[in-house]
Amino acid sequence: MDGGVVTGGADVRPRRADAQRNRASILAAALEVLLEDGPEAPLDKIARRAGVGNATVYRHFVDRDELVRGVILAVVERNAEAAERLLATEPDPSRPCGRSCTTARTAASARS
């Protein structure tokens, strides 16, 4: 995720390092809690899991919808970055999944 803040749709300024860490912690915790409890997961549970207060969650995300959008965007970004790495390492671009899919299946099997 980017390190900037957009206010009023125009002003972009860098986030402080602690604010970036808090946002990343909130997004990671939100993903876990949403997977466990579903879309109506309590925001205070997400805040506790992230190790921040409720006000910190609301400073980063004005409501539940914005938090869920943030989680979705973070997952999509992570998957896009993984796909780019995969394409960069696969010698045959017509088979971008080749050995990496085999590796992913093996890792998934090990977790189950």
N, C-alpha and C. Protein backbone atom coordinates (compact mmCIF):
# COMPACT_ATOMS: atom_id res chain seq x y z
N MET A 1 0.85 -1.17 0.00
CA MET A 1 0.00 0.00 0.00
C MET A 1 0.89 1.23 0.00
N ASP A 2 0.34 2.32 -0.52
CA ASP A 2 1.15 3.52 -0.59
C ASP A 2 1.27 4.15 0.78
N GLY A 3 2.24 5.04 0.92
CA GLY A 3 2.47 5.69 2.19
C GLY A 3 1.84 7.06 2.28
N GLY A 4 0.96 7.40 1.33
CA GLY A 4 0.38 8.73 1.31
C GLY A 4 -1.01 8.79 1.90
N VAL A 5 -1.42 10.00 2.20
CA VAL A 5 -2.76 10.27 2.73
C VAL A 5 -3.44 11.20 1.75
N VAL A 6 -4.66 10.89 1.38
CA VAL A 6 -5.41 11.79 0.51
C VAL A 6 -6.49 12.43 1.35
N THR A 7 -6.49 13.75 1.39
CA THR A 7 -7.52 14.47 2.12
C THR A 7 -8.19 15.42 1.16
N GLY A 8 -9.49 15.39 1.11
CA GLY A 8 -10.22 16.25 0.21
C GLY A 8 -9.96 15.94 -1.25
N GLY A 9 -9.40 14.77 -1.53
CA GLY A 9 -9.17 14.35 -2.89
C GLY A 9 -7.97 15.03 -3.55
N ALA A 10 -7.22 15.90 -2.83
CA ALA A 10 -6.15 16.62 -3.51
C ALA A 10 -4.81 16.51 -2.80
N ASP A 11 -4.78 16.72 -1.51
CA ASP A 11 -3.52 16.80 -0.77
C ASP A 11 -2.96 15.40 -0.51
N VAL A 12 -1.76 15.15 -0.99
CA VAL A 12 -1.10 13.87 -0.72
C VAL A 12 0.18 14.16 0.05
N ARG A 13 0.30 13.58 1.21
CA ARG A 13 1.50 13.76 2.01
C ARG A 13 1.90 12.41 2.59
N PRO A 14 3.18 12.23 2.87
CA PRO A 14 3.63 10.92 3.37
C PRO A 14 3.10 10.63 4.77
N ARG A 15 2.85 9.35 5.02
CA ARG A 15 2.44 8.92 6.36
C ARG A 15 3.69 8.76 7.22
N ARG A 16 3.54 9.02 8.50
CA ARG A 16 4.63 8.74 9.43
C ARG A 16 4.84 7.23 9.47
N ALA A 17 6.03 6.81 9.83
CA ALA A 17 6.36 5.38 9.86
C ALA A 17 5.43 4.62 10.80
N ASP A 18 5.11 5.19 11.97
CA ASP A 18 4.24 4.48 12.90
C ASP A 18 2.82 4.38 12.34
N ALA A 19 2.37 5.40 11.61
CA ALA A 19 1.04 5.35 11.00
C ALA A 19 1.01 4.28 9.90
N GLN A 20 2.10 4.15 9.14
CA GLN A 20 2.18 3.11 8.12
C GLN A 20 2.12 1.73 8.77
N ARG A 21 2.86 1.56 9.87
CA ARG A 21 2.83 0.26 10.59
C ARG A 21 1.44 -0.03 11.13
N ASN A 22 0.80 0.99 11.72
CA ASN A 22 -0.56 0.80 12.26
C ASN A 22 -1.53 0.38 11.16
N ARG A 23 -1.47 1.06 10.02
CA ARG A 23 -2.37 0.74 8.92
C ARG A 23 -2.13 -0.69 8.44
N ALA A 24 -0.87 -1.08 8.30
CA ALA A 24 -0.56 -2.45 7.88
C ALA A 24 -1.07 -3.46 8.91
N SER A 25 -0.91 -3.16 10.19
CA SER A 25 -1.39 -4.05 11.25
C SER A 25 -2.90 -4.17 11.23
N ILE A 26 -3.57 -3.03 11.01
CA ILE A 26 -5.03 -3.03 10.96
C ILE A 26 -5.51 -3.88 9.79
N LEU A 27 -4.90 -3.69 8.62
CA LEU A 27 -5.31 -4.45 7.43
C LEU A 27 -5.08 -5.95 7.63
N ALA A 28 -3.94 -6.31 8.20
CA ALA A 28 -3.65 -7.74 8.43
C ALA A 28 -4.64 -8.33 9.44
N ALA A 29 -4.89 -7.60 10.52
CA ALA A 29 -5.83 -8.07 11.53
C ALA A 29 -7.24 -8.15 10.95
N ALA A 30 -7.62 -7.15 10.16
CA ALA A 30 -8.95 -7.14 9.57
C ALA A 30 -9.14 -8.34 8.65
N LEU A 31 -8.14 -8.68 7.86
CA LEU A 31 -8.24 -9.84 6.99
C LEU A 31 -8.49 -11.10 7.82
N GLU A 32 -7.70 -11.29 8.86
CA GLU A 32 -7.86 -12.48 9.73
C GLU A 32 -9.25 -12.52 10.36
N VAL A 33 -9.67 -11.40 10.96
CA VAL A 33 -10.94 -11.37 11.69
C VAL A 33 -12.12 -11.49 10.72
N LEU A 34 -12.03 -10.85 9.57
CA LEU A 34 -13.12 -10.97 8.59
C LEU A 34 -13.23 -12.41 8.09
N LEU A 35 -12.11 -13.09 7.91
CA LEU A 35 -12.16 -14.49 7.50
C LEU A 35 -12.76 -15.37 8.60
N GLU A 36 -12.48 -15.03 9.85
CA GLU A 36 -13.00 -15.80 10.98
C GLU A 36 -14.47 -15.53 11.23
N ASP A 37 -14.85 -14.24 11.25
CA ASP A 37 -16.17 -13.83 11.73
C ASP A 37 -17.12 -13.32 10.63
N GLY A 38 -16.62 -13.16 9.43
CA GLY A 38 -17.47 -12.66 8.36
C GLY A 38 -17.50 -11.15 8.31
N PRO A 39 -18.28 -10.60 7.37
CA PRO A 39 -18.27 -9.15 7.12
C PRO A 39 -18.79 -8.29 8.27
N GLU A 40 -19.49 -8.88 9.19
CA GLU A 40 -20.00 -8.11 10.33
C GLU A 40 -19.09 -8.24 11.56
N ALA A 41 -17.85 -8.65 11.35
CA ALA A 41 -16.90 -8.80 12.45
C ALA A 41 -16.80 -7.48 13.22
N PRO A 42 -16.73 -7.58 14.54
CA PRO A 42 -16.66 -6.36 15.36
C PRO A 42 -15.36 -5.58 15.11
N LEU A 43 -15.48 -4.29 14.87
CA LEU A 43 -14.30 -3.48 14.63
C LEU A 43 -13.39 -3.42 15.85
N ASP A 44 -13.98 -3.52 17.06
CA ASP A 44 -13.12 -3.51 18.24
C ASP A 44 -12.26 -4.77 18.32
N LYS A 45 -12.75 -5.88 17.79
CA LYS A 45 -11.95 -7.11 17.74
C LYS A 45 -10.79 -6.92 16.76
N ILE A 46 -11.05 -6.25 15.65
CA ILE A 46 -9.99 -5.97 14.68
C ILE A 46 -8.94 -5.06 15.31
N ALA A 47 -9.39 -4.03 16.02
CA ALA A 47 -8.46 -3.11 16.69
C ALA A 47 -7.61 -3.86 17.71
N ARG A 48 -8.24 -4.71 18.54
CA ARG A 48 -7.48 -5.48 19.54
C ARG A 48 -6.46 -6.37 18.86
N ARG A 49 -6.88 -7.07 17.80
CA ARG A 49 -5.98 -7.97 17.09
C ARG A 49 -4.79 -7.20 16.49
N ALA A 50 -5.06 -5.97 16.05
CA ALA A 50 -4.00 -5.14 15.44
C ALA A 50 -3.11 -4.49 16.50
N GLY A 51 -3.56 -4.53 17.75
CA GLY A 51 -2.78 -3.89 18.82
C GLY A 51 -2.91 -2.38 18.83
N VAL A 52 -4.07 -1.89 18.36
CA VAL A 52 -4.32 -0.44 18.35
C VAL A 52 -5.68 -0.18 18.97
N GLY A 53 -5.95 1.08 19.23
CA GLY A 53 -7.26 1.45 19.77
C GLY A 53 -8.29 1.64 18.66
N ASN A 54 -9.55 1.65 19.04
CA ASN A 54 -10.62 1.86 18.07
C ASN A 54 -10.45 3.17 17.30
N ALA A 55 -10.02 4.21 18.00
CA ALA A 55 -9.86 5.51 17.35
C ALA A 55 -8.82 5.44 16.24
N THR A 56 -7.79 4.63 16.43
CA THR A 56 -6.77 4.48 15.39
C THR A 56 -7.35 3.82 14.15
N VAL A 57 -8.21 2.84 14.34
CA VAL A 57 -8.88 2.21 13.20
C VAL A 57 -9.68 3.26 12.45
N TYR A 58 -10.45 4.08 13.17
CA TYR A 58 -11.29 5.09 12.53
C TYR A 58 -10.48 6.24 11.93
N ARG A 59 -9.27 6.47 12.42
CA ARG A 59 -8.42 7.48 11.79
C ARG A 59 -7.98 7.03 10.40
N HIS A 60 -7.80 5.73 10.25
CA HIS A 60 -7.35 5.19 8.97
C HIS A 60 -8.52 4.85 8.04
N PHE A 61 -9.64 4.43 8.61
CA PHE A 61 -10.80 3.97 7.83
C PHE A 61 -12.05 4.56 8.46
N VAL A 62 -12.76 5.40 7.73
CA VAL A 62 -13.89 6.11 8.31
C VAL A 62 -15.07 5.21 8.66
N ASP A 63 -15.18 4.06 7.97
CA ASP A 63 -16.26 3.13 8.29
C ASP A 63 -15.88 1.71 7.85
N ARG A 64 -16.75 0.79 8.15
CA ARG A 64 -16.51 -0.63 7.85
C ARG A 64 -16.28 -0.85 6.36
N ASP A 65 -17.10 -0.18 5.52
CA ASP A 65 -16.96 -0.36 4.08
C ASP A 65 -15.57 0.04 3.60
N GLU A 66 -15.06 1.15 4.11
CA GLU A 66 -13.73 1.59 3.70
C GLU A 66 -12.67 0.60 4.17
N LEU A 67 -12.83 0.04 5.36
CA LEU A 67 -11.89 -0.96 5.87
C LEU A 67 -11.93 -2.21 5.00
N VAL A 68 -13.11 -2.68 4.66
CA VAL A 68 -13.23 -3.88 3.81
C VAL A 68 -12.60 -3.61 2.45
N ARG A 69 -12.86 -2.42 1.88
CA ARG A 69 -12.22 -2.06 0.60
C ARG A 69 -10.71 -2.08 0.73
N GLY A 70 -10.20 -1.55 1.85
CA GLY A 70 -8.76 -1.54 2.09
C GLY A 70 -8.18 -2.94 2.15
N VAL A 71 -8.90 -3.85 2.80
CA VAL A 71 -8.45 -5.25 2.88
C VAL A 71 -8.43 -5.87 1.48
N ILE A 72 -9.49 -5.65 0.74
CA ILE A 72 -9.57 -6.21 -0.62
C ILE A 72 -8.43 -5.68 -1.48
N LEU A 73 -8.20 -4.38 -1.42
CA LEU A 73 -7.12 -3.78 -2.21
C LEU A 73 -5.76 -4.33 -1.80
N ALA A 74 -5.55 -4.52 -0.50
CA ALA A 74 -4.28 -5.06 -0.02
C ALA A 74 -4.06 -6.48 -0.55
N VAL A 75 -5.11 -7.29 -0.54
CA VAL A 75 -5.01 -8.67 -1.05
C VAL A 75 -4.74 -8.66 -2.55
N VAL A 76 -5.45 -7.80 -3.28
CA VAL A 76 -5.26 -7.72 -4.73
C VAL A 76 -3.83 -7.25 -5.04
N GLU A 77 -3.35 -6.25 -4.31
CA GLU A 77 -1.97 -5.77 -4.51
C GLU A 77 -0.97 -6.88 -4.25
N ARG A 78 -1.16 -7.60 -3.16
CA ARG A 78 -0.24 -8.69 -2.81
C ARG A 78 -0.25 -9.76 -3.89
N ASN A 79 -1.43 -10.10 -4.40
CA ASN A 79 -1.53 -11.11 -5.47
C ASN A 79 -0.90 -10.61 -6.76
N ALA A 80 -1.10 -9.33 -7.08
CA ALA A 80 -0.51 -8.76 -8.30
C ALA A 80 1.02 -8.77 -8.21
N GLU A 81 1.55 -8.42 -7.04
CA GLU A 81 3.00 -8.45 -6.85
C GLU A 81 3.53 -9.87 -6.99
N ALA A 82 2.81 -10.84 -6.42
CA ALA A 82 3.22 -12.24 -6.54
C ALA A 82 3.18 -12.69 -8.00
N ALA A 83 2.16 -12.26 -8.74
CA ALA A 83 2.06 -12.63 -10.15
C ALA A 83 3.20 -12.02 -10.95
N GLU A 84 3.56 -10.78 -10.65
CA GLU A 84 4.69 -10.14 -11.34
C GLU A 84 5.99 -10.87 -11.05
N ARG A 85 6.20 -11.27 -9.79
CA ARG A 85 7.41 -12.04 -9.46
C ARG A 85 7.41 -13.37 -10.20
N LEU A 86 6.26 -14.00 -10.25
CA LEU A 86 6.14 -15.28 -10.93
C LEU A 86 6.46 -15.12 -12.42
N LEU A 87 5.91 -14.11 -13.06
CA LEU A 87 6.17 -13.89 -14.48
C LEU A 87 7.64 -13.56 -14.72
N ALA A 88 8.27 -12.88 -13.77
CA ALA A 88 9.68 -12.52 -13.93
C ALA A 88 10.61 -13.73 -13.80
N THR A 89 10.15 -14.77 -13.10
CA THR A 89 11.02 -15.93 -12.88
C THR A 89 10.71 -17.10 -13.79
N GLU A 90 9.59 -17.07 -14.47
CA GLU A 90 9.21 -18.18 -15.35
C GLU A 90 9.88 -18.00 -16.70
N PRO A 91 10.71 -18.95 -17.12
CA PRO A 91 11.42 -18.80 -18.38
C PRO A 91 10.50 -18.83 -19.61
N ASP A 92 9.36 -19.49 -19.53
CA ASP A 92 8.44 -19.58 -20.66
C ASP A 92 7.18 -18.79 -20.33
N PRO A 93 7.04 -17.57 -20.86
CA PRO A 93 5.89 -16.74 -20.49
C PRO A 93 4.55 -17.33 -20.90
N SER A 94 4.55 -18.29 -21.81
CA SER A 94 3.28 -18.93 -22.17
C SER A 94 2.83 -19.89 -21.08
N ARG A 95 3.74 -20.21 -20.15
CA ARG A 95 3.42 -21.08 -19.01
C ARG A 95 3.77 -20.37 -17.71
N PRO A 96 3.14 -19.24 -17.41
CA PRO A 96 3.54 -18.47 -16.23
C PRO A 96 3.35 -19.20 -14.92
N CYS A 97 2.57 -20.25 -14.94
CA CYS A 97 2.31 -20.93 -13.67
C CYS A 97 3.22 -22.14 -13.48
N GLY A 98 3.74 -22.70 -14.52
CA GLY A 98 4.65 -23.84 -14.50
C GLY A 98 5.06 -24.36 -13.14
N ARG A 99 6.31 -24.23 -12.82
CA ARG A 99 6.84 -24.79 -11.57
C ARG A 99 6.32 -24.06 -10.34
N SER A 100 5.95 -22.79 -10.48
CA SER A 100 5.46 -22.03 -9.32
C SER A 100 4.13 -22.56 -8.82
N CYS A 101 3.26 -22.98 -9.73
CA CYS A 101 1.98 -23.56 -9.30
C CYS A 101 2.22 -24.88 -8.59
N THR A 102 3.17 -25.64 -9.09
CA THR A 102 3.51 -26.90 -8.42
C THR A 102 4.03 -26.60 -7.02
N THR A 103 4.88 -25.59 -6.89
CA THR A 103 5.40 -25.19 -5.58
C THR A 103 4.26 -24.73 -4.67
N ALA A 104 3.33 -23.94 -5.21
CA ALA A 104 2.20 -23.45 -4.41
C ALA A 104 1.32 -24.60 -3.96
N ARG A 105 1.06 -25.56 -4.85
CA ARG A 105 0.23 -26.72 -4.47
C ARG A 105 0.93 -27.52 -3.38
N THR A 106 2.23 -27.68 -3.50
CA THR A 106 2.98 -28.42 -2.48
C THR A 106 2.91 -27.71 -1.14
N ALA A 107 3.06 -26.39 -1.16
CA ALA A 107 2.99 -25.61 0.09
C ALA A 107 1.60 -25.69 0.70
N ALA A 108 0.56 -25.61 -0.14
CA ALA A 108 -0.81 -25.69 0.36
C ALA A 108 -1.08 -27.06 0.95
N SER A 109 -0.57 -28.11 0.34
CA SER A 109 -0.75 -29.46 0.86
C SER A 109 -0.09 -29.64 2.21
N ALA A 110 1.07 -29.01 2.37
CA ALA A 110 1.79 -29.11 3.63
C ALA A 110 1.04 -28.43 4.77
N ARG A 111 0.27 -27.37 4.45
CA ARG A 111 -0.48 -26.65 5.47
C ARG A 111 -1.71 -27.41 5.92
N SER A 112 -2.27 -28.27 5.05
CA SER A 112 -3.51 -28.94 5.41
C SER A 112 -3.30 -30.14 6.27
